[in-house]
Protein backbone atom coordinates (compact mmCIF):
# COMPACT_ATOMS: atom_id res chain seq x y z
CA MET A 1 30.54 -0.76 -4.82
CA LEU A 2 28.51 -3.89 -5.45
CA ILE A 3 29.40 -6.32 -8.22
CA VAL A 4 26.95 -8.71 -9.90
CA GLY A 5 27.90 -11.76 -7.83
CA ASN A 6 27.61 -9.90 -4.53
CA THR A 7 24.37 -8.32 -5.74
CA ARG A 8 22.74 -11.70 -6.15
CA GLU A 9 24.04 -12.82 -2.78
CA LEU A 10 22.50 -9.71 -1.25
CA ILE A 11 19.16 -10.52 -2.92
CA LEU A 12 19.35 -14.05 -1.48
CA ASP A 13 19.99 -12.70 2.01
CA MET A 14 17.06 -10.29 1.68
CA LEU A 15 14.71 -13.08 0.62
CA MET A 16 15.91 -15.21 3.55
CA GLU A 17 15.19 -12.31 5.92
CA ILE A 18 11.71 -11.75 4.48
CA LEU A 19 10.48 -15.26 3.68
CA GLU A 20 12.20 -17.32 6.38
CA LYS A 21 12.41 -14.84 9.28
CA GLY A 22 9.19 -12.93 8.59
CA SER A 23 10.63 -9.41 8.23
CA TYR A 24 8.54 -6.89 6.31
CA SER A 25 9.64 -6.65 2.69
CA HIS A 26 9.25 -2.89 2.25
CA LEU A 27 11.38 -2.24 5.35
CA VAL A 28 14.10 -4.72 4.36
CA ILE A 29 14.29 -3.32 0.82
CA ARG A 30 14.30 0.29 2.05
CA ASP A 31 17.07 -0.36 4.59
CA VAL A 32 19.28 -2.21 2.09
CA LEU A 33 18.91 0.44 -0.61
CA ASP A 34 19.67 3.16 1.95
CA LYS A 35 22.78 1.27 3.09
CA TYR A 36 24.06 0.93 -0.47
CA ASN A 37 22.91 4.40 -1.53
CA TYR A 38 26.17 5.14 -3.32
CA SER A 39 26.35 1.87 -5.25
CA ASP A 40 26.00 1.57 -8.99
CA PRO A 41 22.34 2.43 -9.84
CA ARG A 42 22.19 -0.66 -12.07
CA ASP A 43 23.05 -2.92 -9.14
CA LYS A 44 20.49 -1.19 -6.90
CA SER A 45 17.89 -1.55 -9.63
CA LEU A 46 18.65 -5.28 -9.95
CA VAL A 47 18.38 -5.78 -6.19
CA LYS A 48 15.01 -4.05 -6.05
CA ARG A 49 13.60 -5.66 -9.20
CA VAL A 50 14.55 -9.25 -8.38
CA THR A 51 13.60 -9.06 -4.69
CA GLU A 52 10.23 -7.43 -5.31
CA GLY A 53 9.53 -9.53 -8.38
CA THR A 54 10.30 -12.81 -6.63
CA LEU A 55 7.95 -11.90 -3.80
CA GLU A 56 5.27 -10.71 -6.18
CA ARG A 57 5.33 -13.95 -8.23
CA LEU A 58 6.05 -16.33 -5.36
CA ILE A 59 3.02 -18.62 -5.73
CA GLN A 60 3.59 -18.98 -9.47
CA ILE A 61 7.32 -19.62 -8.93
CA ASP A 62 6.69 -22.26 -6.26
CA TYR A 63 4.14 -23.95 -8.52
CA ILE A 64 6.75 -24.14 -11.29
CA LEU A 65 9.42 -25.46 -8.92
CA ASP A 66 7.07 -28.14 -7.59
CA THR A 67 6.31 -29.11 -11.21
CA PHE A 68 9.97 -29.56 -12.21
CA SER A 69 11.67 -30.60 -8.96
CA LYS A 70 11.48 -34.03 -7.35
CA VAL A 71 11.91 -32.30 -3.99
CA PRO A 72 8.87 -30.13 -3.08
CA VAL A 73 9.60 -26.50 -2.29
CA SER A 74 8.40 -27.03 1.29
CA LYS A 75 11.04 -29.76 1.82
CA MET A 76 14.01 -27.88 0.35
CA LYS A 77 16.71 -26.31 2.49
CA PRO A 78 15.69 -22.66 3.00
CA LEU A 79 18.75 -21.24 1.25
CA ILE A 80 18.29 -23.51 -1.79
CA ARG A 81 14.56 -22.77 -1.86
CA ASN A 82 15.13 -19.02 -2.07
CA LEU A 83 18.08 -19.30 -4.42
CA LEU A 84 15.88 -21.25 -6.84
CA ARG A 85 13.01 -18.80 -6.42
CA MET A 86 15.07 -15.74 -7.34
CA SER A 87 16.67 -17.63 -10.24
CA VAL A 88 13.32 -18.76 -11.67
CA TYR A 89 12.07 -15.17 -11.52
CA GLN A 90 15.05 -14.05 -13.58
CA LEU A 91 14.61 -16.89 -16.09
CA LEU A 92 10.91 -16.18 -16.65
CA PHE A 93 10.59 -12.42 -16.25
CA MET A 94 13.96 -10.83 -17.04
CA GLU A 95 14.81 -11.56 -20.66
CA SER A 96 17.69 -9.07 -20.59
CA ILE A 97 19.72 -11.46 -18.39
CA PRO A 98 21.10 -14.51 -20.26
CA ALA A 99 19.79 -17.78 -18.87
CA SER A 100 23.33 -19.16 -18.72
CA ALA A 101 24.38 -16.28 -16.43
CA VAL A 102 21.40 -16.84 -14.11
CA ILE A 103 22.07 -20.59 -13.82
CA ASN A 104 25.85 -20.27 -13.45
CA GLU A 105 25.53 -17.63 -10.73
CA ALA A 106 23.03 -19.81 -8.85
CA VAL A 107 25.36 -22.81 -8.99
CA LYS A 108 28.33 -20.72 -7.78
CA LEU A 109 26.29 -19.18 -5.00
CA SER A 110 25.08 -22.54 -3.68
CA GLY A 111 28.72 -23.65 -3.41
CA LYS A 112 29.85 -20.37 -1.86
CA ARG A 113 27.19 -20.69 0.85
CA GLY A 114 28.36 -24.16 1.89
CA LEU A 115 25.94 -26.28 -0.14
CA LYS A 116 28.21 -27.42 -2.94
CA GLY A 117 26.72 -30.90 -2.72
CA LEU A 118 23.42 -29.44 -3.95
CA SER A 119 24.93 -27.49 -6.85
CA GLY A 120 24.01 -30.30 -9.26
CA PHE A 121 20.42 -30.22 -8.04
CA VAL A 122 20.25 -26.45 -8.53
CA ASN A 123 21.76 -26.73 -11.99
CA GLY A 124 19.42 -29.55 -13.07
CA VAL A 125 16.20 -27.91 -11.88
CA LEU A 126 16.99 -24.54 -13.44
CA ARG A 127 18.13 -26.01 -16.78
CA ASN A 128 14.99 -28.11 -16.96
CA ILE A 129 12.80 -25.05 -16.31
CA GLU A 130 14.71 -23.02 -18.89
CA ARG A 131 14.20 -25.72 -21.54
CA GLU A 132 10.49 -26.13 -20.80
CA LYS A 133 9.47 -22.56 -19.84
CA GLU A 134 7.26 -22.19 -22.92
CA ARG A 135 5.45 -25.44 -22.10
CA ILE A 136 4.77 -25.16 -18.37
CA PRO A 137 1.53 -27.09 -17.58
CA TYR A 138 -0.43 -24.42 -15.73
CA PRO A 139 -3.88 -25.12 -14.20
CA GLU A 140 -6.72 -24.94 -16.74
CA ARG A 141 -9.14 -22.09 -16.22
CA ASP A 142 -12.17 -24.06 -17.39
CA LYS A 143 -11.54 -26.79 -14.83
CA ASP A 144 -10.58 -24.65 -11.83
CA ALA A 145 -10.81 -20.87 -12.22
CA VAL A 146 -9.69 -20.19 -8.64
CA LYS A 147 -6.55 -22.33 -9.01
CA TYR A 148 -5.81 -20.82 -12.42
CA LEU A 149 -6.06 -17.22 -11.16
CA SER A 150 -4.15 -18.06 -7.99
CA VAL A 151 -1.16 -19.42 -9.91
CA GLN A 152 -1.20 -16.95 -12.79
CA TYR A 153 -1.36 -13.91 -10.50
CA SER A 154 0.31 -15.35 -7.37
CA MET A 155 -2.59 -14.75 -5.04
CA PRO A 156 -3.66 -17.18 -2.27
CA GLU A 157 -6.63 -19.30 -3.35
CA TRP A 158 -8.81 -18.33 -0.38
CA LEU A 159 -8.46 -14.66 -1.28
CA VAL A 160 -9.19 -15.25 -4.98
CA TYR A 161 -12.31 -17.16 -3.98
CA LYS A 162 -13.36 -14.36 -1.61
CA TRP A 163 -12.97 -11.69 -4.31
CA ILE A 164 -14.79 -13.72 -6.96
CA ASP A 165 -17.64 -14.20 -4.52
CA ALA A 166 -17.75 -10.44 -3.79
CA TYR A 167 -16.90 -8.86 -7.15
CA GLY A 168 -17.22 -11.54 -9.83
CA GLN A 169 -14.55 -13.30 -11.86
CA GLU A 170 -13.99 -10.59 -14.48
CA LYS A 171 -13.44 -7.75 -11.98
CA THR A 172 -11.28 -10.01 -9.82
CA GLN A 173 -8.99 -10.73 -12.75
CA ARG A 174 -8.68 -7.02 -13.54
CA VAL A 175 -7.75 -6.34 -9.91
CA LEU A 176 -5.19 -9.15 -9.93
CA GLU A 177 -3.68 -7.77 -13.12
CA GLY A 178 -3.61 -4.29 -11.60
CA LEU A 179 -1.78 -5.49 -8.51
CA LEU A 180 1.02 -6.88 -10.70
CA GLN A 181 1.40 -3.74 -12.77
CA GLU A 182 4.34 -1.49 -11.98
CA ARG A 183 2.96 1.55 -10.20
CA PRO A 184 4.68 4.93 -9.99
CA VAL A 185 4.94 6.65 -6.63
CA SER A 186 2.22 9.25 -5.99
CA VAL A 187 3.12 12.52 -4.30
CA ARG A 188 1.05 15.45 -3.09
CA LEU A 189 2.52 18.84 -3.97
CA LYS A 190 1.71 21.62 -1.53
CA GLU A 191 -1.19 23.62 -2.91
CA SER A 192 0.05 26.66 -0.98
CA LEU A 193 3.18 26.92 -3.15
CA GLY A 194 3.32 29.97 -5.36
CA GLU A 195 3.42 29.56 -9.13
CA LYS A 196 7.15 30.37 -9.29
CA GLU A 197 7.93 27.81 -6.58
CA LYS A 198 5.80 25.18 -8.34
CA GLU A 199 7.41 25.88 -11.71
CA GLY A 200 10.85 25.79 -10.11
CA TRP A 201 10.12 22.41 -8.52
CA ILE A 202 8.83 20.93 -11.78
CA SER A 203 11.90 22.28 -13.62
CA ALA A 204 14.26 20.84 -10.99
CA MET A 205 12.54 17.46 -11.18
CA GLN A 206 12.77 17.42 -14.96
CA LYS A 207 16.53 17.92 -14.73
CA THR A 208 16.85 14.67 -12.80
CA LYS A 209 16.44 11.18 -14.29
CA VAL A 210 13.00 10.99 -12.69
CA HIS A 211 9.88 10.88 -14.83
CA LEU A 212 7.23 13.27 -13.52
CA LYS A 213 3.61 13.10 -14.62
CA LYS A 214 0.43 14.82 -13.45
CA HIS A 215 -2.18 12.49 -12.02
CA PRO A 216 -5.53 12.68 -13.88
CA TYR A 217 -7.67 12.87 -10.73
CA LEU A 218 -6.24 15.82 -8.77
CA SER A 219 -4.35 18.91 -9.92
CA TYR A 220 -1.80 18.79 -7.09
CA ALA A 221 -1.09 15.05 -7.41
CA TYR A 222 1.91 13.82 -9.39
CA GLU A 223 3.31 10.41 -10.29
CA ILE A 224 7.04 9.82 -10.00
CA SER A 225 8.88 6.90 -11.56
CA GLY A 226 12.58 6.13 -11.90
CA ALA A 227 13.54 7.70 -8.57
CA GLU A 228 16.36 6.00 -6.68
CA GLY A 229 15.30 7.63 -3.41
CA ILE A 230 12.44 10.01 -2.67
CA ARG A 231 14.37 11.80 0.07
CA ASN A 232 17.07 12.80 -2.42
CA LEU A 233 14.64 14.52 -4.81
CA PRO A 234 14.43 18.30 -5.21
CA GLY A 235 11.95 19.86 -2.80
CA PHE A 236 11.70 16.97 -0.34
CA ALA A 237 13.83 18.49 2.42
CA GLU A 238 12.12 21.83 1.85
CA GLY A 239 8.68 20.27 2.43
CA TYR A 240 7.34 20.97 -1.06
CA PHE A 241 5.74 17.53 -1.32
CA THR A 242 4.98 14.35 0.56
CA VAL A 243 4.46 10.78 -0.60
CA GLN A 244 0.75 9.94 -0.49
CA ASP A 245 -1.48 7.77 -2.63
CA VAL A 246 -4.23 9.60 -4.50
CA SER A 247 -6.85 7.44 -2.78
CA SER A 248 -5.75 8.94 0.52
CA MET A 249 -5.93 12.46 -0.94
CA LEU A 250 -9.54 11.78 -1.95
CA VAL A 251 -10.43 11.27 1.71
CA THR A 252 -9.35 14.83 2.43
CA GLU A 253 -11.21 16.17 -0.59
CA ALA A 254 -14.43 14.61 0.69
CA ALA A 255 -13.81 15.66 4.29
CA VAL A 256 -12.89 19.30 3.72
CA GLY A 257 -15.55 19.71 1.05
CA THR A 258 -18.08 18.69 3.65
CA MET A 259 -16.72 21.18 6.17
CA GLU A 260 -16.87 24.06 3.69
CA GLU A 261 -20.43 23.11 2.83
CA ASP A 262 -21.36 23.24 6.53
CA GLY A 263 -20.32 26.90 6.75
CA GLY A 264 -18.75 28.58 9.76
CA ALA A 265 -15.35 30.18 10.14
CA PRO A 266 -12.42 27.86 9.22
CA GLU A 267 -10.61 28.66 12.46
CA GLU A 268 -13.46 27.05 14.36
CA LYS A 269 -13.06 23.66 12.64
CA MET A 270 -11.81 20.86 14.87
CA VAL A 271 -10.49 17.66 13.29
CA LEU A 272 -9.41 14.41 14.92
CA ASP A 273 -7.54 11.68 13.02
CA VAL A 274 -7.61 8.64 15.30
CA CYS A 275 -5.17 6.34 13.42
CA ALA A 276 -3.05 8.92 11.64
CA ALA A 277 0.50 7.63 11.07
CA PRO A 278 2.43 8.60 9.03
CA GLY A 279 0.15 11.66 8.91
CA GLY A 280 -0.62 12.19 5.22
CA LYS A 281 -4.35 12.84 5.57
CA SER A 282 -3.94 14.91 8.75
CA MET A 283 -1.39 17.18 7.10
CA HIS A 284 -3.48 17.45 3.96
CA ILE A 285 -6.46 18.65 6.00
CA ALA A 286 -4.23 21.07 7.94
CA GLU A 287 -3.18 22.58 4.62
CA LYS A 288 -6.75 22.72 3.32
CA LEU A 289 -7.65 24.75 6.43
CA ASN A 290 -4.98 27.30 5.44
CA GLY A 291 -3.23 27.19 8.79
CA THR A 292 -6.46 27.76 10.76
CA GLY A 293 -8.58 25.44 12.89
CA LYS A 294 -7.07 22.56 14.84
CA VAL A 295 -6.04 19.09 13.66
CA ILE A 296 -5.11 16.43 16.21
CA ALA A 297 -3.32 13.43 14.71
CA ARG A 298 -3.18 10.39 16.99
CA ASP A 299 -1.70 6.92 16.85
CA LEU A 300 -0.99 4.03 19.15
CA SER A 301 2.79 4.16 19.73
CA GLU A 302 5.48 6.75 20.28
CA TYR A 303 7.29 5.44 17.21
CA LYS A 304 4.29 5.96 14.94
CA VAL A 305 3.66 9.42 16.37
CA SER A 306 7.34 10.29 15.84
CA LEU A 307 6.80 9.62 12.13
CA ILE A 308 3.89 12.06 12.12
CA ARG A 309 5.93 14.70 13.96
CA ASP A 310 8.84 14.31 11.56
CA ASN A 311 6.54 14.85 8.60
CA ILE A 312 4.80 17.82 10.22
CA GLY A 313 8.18 19.41 10.89
CA ARG A 314 9.42 18.90 7.35
CA MET A 315 6.18 20.15 5.77
CA GLY A 316 5.91 23.11 8.15
CA TYR A 317 2.30 22.93 9.34
CA ALA A 318 1.43 24.89 12.49
CA ASN A 319 -2.25 23.98 13.01
CA ILE A 320 -1.66 20.27 13.71
CA GLU A 321 -0.59 18.37 16.81
CA ALA A 322 0.51 14.73 17.07
CA GLN A 323 -0.44 12.72 20.15
CA VAL A 324 0.02 9.16 21.40
CA ALA A 325 -3.39 7.61 22.11
CA ASP A 326 -5.14 4.25 21.87
CA ALA A 327 -8.23 4.65 19.69
CA ARG A 328 -9.93 1.84 21.63
CA GLN A 329 -9.84 3.82 24.88
CA PHE A 330 -12.52 6.48 25.31
CA ASP A 331 -11.21 10.01 25.87
CA GLN A 332 -13.82 11.93 27.87
CA GLU A 333 -12.29 15.30 26.92
CA MET A 334 -12.95 14.62 23.23
CA ARG A 335 -16.65 13.86 23.61
CA GLY A 336 -18.53 15.95 21.01
CA TRP A 337 -15.33 17.92 20.21
CA ALA A 338 -14.76 17.27 16.50
CA ASP A 339 -16.42 18.71 13.42
CA LEU A 340 -14.69 15.89 11.59
CA VAL A 341 -13.31 12.54 12.73
CA LEU A 342 -11.10 10.61 10.33
CA ALA A 343 -11.28 6.87 10.95
CA ASP A 344 -8.68 5.27 8.66
CA LEU A 345 -8.70 2.09 10.69
CA PRO A 346 -6.32 -0.89 10.91
CA CYS A 347 -7.30 -3.29 8.12
CA SER A 348 -6.13 -6.25 6.06
CA GLY A 349 -4.27 -3.91 3.67
CA PHE A 350 -5.16 -5.86 0.53
CA GLY A 351 -5.35 -2.63 -1.49
CA SER A 352 -1.66 -1.86 -0.95
CA MET A 353 -0.33 -5.29 -1.98
CA GLY A 354 1.10 -3.76 -5.16
CA LYS A 355 3.59 -1.92 -2.92
CA LYS A 356 3.91 -4.33 0.02
CA ARG A 357 4.17 -7.62 -1.80
CA ASP A 358 4.32 -9.91 1.22
CA ILE A 359 0.95 -8.84 2.66
CA LYS A 360 -0.83 -11.54 0.65
CA TYR A 361 1.34 -14.29 2.15
CA ARG A 362 0.97 -13.04 5.71
CA ALA A 363 -2.81 -12.71 5.50
CA ARG A 364 -4.92 -15.44 7.09
CA GLU A 365 -8.66 -15.76 6.58
CA GLU A 366 -9.23 -16.51 10.24
CA ALA A 367 -7.41 -13.29 11.22
CA LEU A 368 -9.93 -11.14 9.33
CA GLU A 369 -12.55 -11.72 12.01
CA GLU A 370 -10.18 -10.31 14.64
CA LEU A 371 -9.65 -7.21 12.50
CA ILE A 372 -13.38 -6.72 12.10
CA LEU A 373 -13.84 -6.91 15.87
CA LEU A 374 -11.05 -4.37 16.34
CA GLN A 375 -12.64 -2.00 13.82
CA ARG A 376 -16.00 -2.28 15.58
CA ARG A 377 -14.42 -1.65 18.96
CA ILE A 378 -12.74 1.53 17.69
CA LEU A 379 -15.91 2.76 15.99
CA ASP A 380 -17.89 2.07 19.15
CA THR A 381 -15.58 4.52 20.92
CA ILE A 382 -14.81 7.27 18.43
CA TRP A 383 -18.30 8.06 17.12
CA GLN A 384 -18.87 9.95 20.34
CA TYR A 385 -16.12 12.44 19.43
CA VAL A 386 -18.18 13.74 16.49
CA LYS A 387 -20.30 16.81 17.21
CA PRO A 388 -24.02 16.48 16.45
CA GLY A 389 -24.19 17.47 12.80
CA GLY A 390 -20.50 16.65 12.31
CA VAL A 391 -18.93 14.08 9.99
CA LEU A 392 -17.16 10.76 10.44
CA LEU A 393 -15.12 9.74 7.42
CA TYR A 394 -14.43 6.01 7.46
CA SER A 395 -11.71 4.56 5.25
CA THR A 396 -9.51 1.50 4.79
CA CYS A 397 -6.76 0.52 2.35
CA THR A 398 -8.36 -2.79 1.53
CA MET A 399 -10.80 -4.61 -0.73
CA ASN A 400 -13.04 -6.69 1.51
CA PRO A 401 -16.79 -6.05 1.93
CA ASP A 402 -16.71 -7.28 5.53
CA GLU A 403 -14.29 -4.49 6.46
CA ASN A 404 -15.88 -1.94 4.16
CA GLU A 405 -19.50 -1.91 2.96
CA HIS A 406 -20.69 -4.38 5.59
CA MET A 407 -18.86 -2.45 8.32
CA VAL A 408 -20.61 0.79 7.31
CA GLU A 409 -23.97 -0.97 7.26
CA TRP A 410 -23.32 -2.33 10.76
CA PHE A 411 -22.28 1.12 11.98
CA LEU A 412 -25.41 2.81 10.63
CA GLU A 413 -27.59 0.21 12.34
CA HIS A 414 -26.05 0.88 15.75
CA TYR A 415 -25.19 4.59 15.87
CA PRO A 416 -26.99 7.90 15.10
CA PHE A 417 -25.47 8.63 11.70
CA THR A 418 -26.79 8.95 8.17
CA PRO A 419 -24.90 8.31 4.91
CA GLU A 420 -24.15 11.20 2.53
CA ASP A 421 -23.44 11.49 -1.17
CA LEU A 422 -19.71 11.57 -1.98
CA SER A 423 -20.00 12.65 -5.60
CA PRO A 424 -19.83 16.47 -5.15
CA PHE A 425 -16.32 16.15 -3.76
CA LEU A 426 -14.85 13.63 -6.21
CA PRO A 427 -13.05 14.17 -9.54
CA ASP A 428 -15.20 13.77 -12.65
CA ALA A 429 -13.86 10.28 -13.35
CA LEU A 430 -15.24 9.02 -10.02
CA LYS A 431 -18.44 11.03 -9.54
CA GLU A 432 -20.79 8.36 -10.85
CA GLU A 433 -19.35 5.70 -8.54
CA GLY A 434 -19.46 8.07 -5.57
CA ARG A 435 -23.17 8.86 -5.73
CA SER A 436 -23.74 6.72 -2.67
CA SER A 437 -22.02 7.37 0.63
CA MET A 438 -19.43 4.68 -0.16
CA LEU A 439 -16.68 4.36 -2.76
CA GLN A 440 -14.56 1.27 -3.36
CA LEU A 441 -11.44 1.87 -5.44
CA PHE A 442 -9.64 -1.00 -7.20
CA PRO A 443 -6.13 -1.24 -8.69
CA GLY A 444 -6.40 -2.19 -12.34
CA ILE A 445 -9.72 -0.34 -12.58
CA HIS A 446 -8.93 3.00 -10.92
CA LYS A 447 -5.66 4.92 -10.96
CA THR A 448 -5.08 4.40 -7.24
CA ASP A 449 -4.36 1.74 -4.68
CA GLY A 450 -7.25 -0.39 -3.52
CA PHE A 451 -9.10 1.85 -1.06
CA PHE A 452 -12.50 2.39 0.50
CA LEU A 453 -14.14 5.53 1.90
CA ALA A 454 -17.54 6.44 3.29
CA ARG A 455 -18.93 9.74 4.55
CA LEU A 456 -21.33 9.56 7.49
CA ARG A 457 -22.99 12.51 9.24
CA ARG A 458 -24.06 12.45 12.87
CA LYS A 459 -27.71 13.30 13.38
CA GLU A 460 -28.37 16.60 15.09
CA ASP A 461 -30.21 14.83 17.88
CA GLY A 462 -27.75 11.94 17.99
CA LYS A 463 -26.84 11.80 21.68
CA ALA A 464 -23.73 10.16 23.09
CA ASP A 465 -24.80 7.67 25.72
């Protein structure tokens, strides 16, 4: 069992792994919590809260450290840098922990890790910040709005500038606030469950310490908070539910609604998901087709496809097949095969930063152009898989017009597709925004991750060259 001192040392090691070695935060946190699954829940909660919180507030924390330390953060020894970061997070955002305990533990830990000579430096910086934390000289909004928002919400300046340019300052601030809000996990409950099974699952969940709440957008969507591990919850092993953001569920609502509108027997419907892992949308469509038709879920690597297969097996769908395939490479056998092609393409991922906190620090403005070229290359290939009269549903988990609205505009200029109204297939709260063929969802404004979707129909005479 972990004790408080070892817990903080574990947090330090996790931050070193993520921030100094470049490991992905959500994978490091998941693996550590799985390893210590039987530890005291309070220790596990502290590990998760401090690690995620430090990452989430990193720019603000580094700004504060640079304000109060004679040694810039960039010049500090890596272990001291991350020890101070996690300690500042606790001082500023965790009032339940006494400041004296935070500072004393940091001093002890610096000595334990072979840097006793810097214990005085650690002590002095943290005590100074604790004394002055109500008088920190933050950037002034009137003088530099971008700098102010960057520091207050720990978002890189270039990205703040880009969002203000695209969405305006007020909406940008709401999005930044939304990304920092604690978000429950969204799950999709199988619609095919009988009423007794559904009631039994809800009852079993209510007997745990988990808080379960219906999502306002979709009847089968639920929000879960307070769970120590999704895989340990009632109904997971039995395939009653899968983790999936509501924004992703909306893609299926739009796609299957379109297919029903087109008529024809369900068993004739052919669906291709070209970048499917971990398979949430593919499985959702397979369920909507009531076990009929054919869904092919593809992704680039055997590892990613193994995730899809694992989920298919647990959820028990029979009308779906997972395949390894590179979406950039044209598959002659799929030409004109699909009634529906799902194109949830690789993207910058800005919409999921509330869950994967290190995305914003890995992102580089110059890398966006490479992503855009990749998206265009995939679209240049996969449009040919759509039958004349069929639908291509384009989506990303990001907020960036160049990857979203501008990408759709480019696509419509080059390929034989027309945009279609999304509103008939959206919940009432989103119908007005979905009256065009495109919908951009924002955290802090909508009750989802940041997400984009567009519905595009291939013209009946649209020939594949």
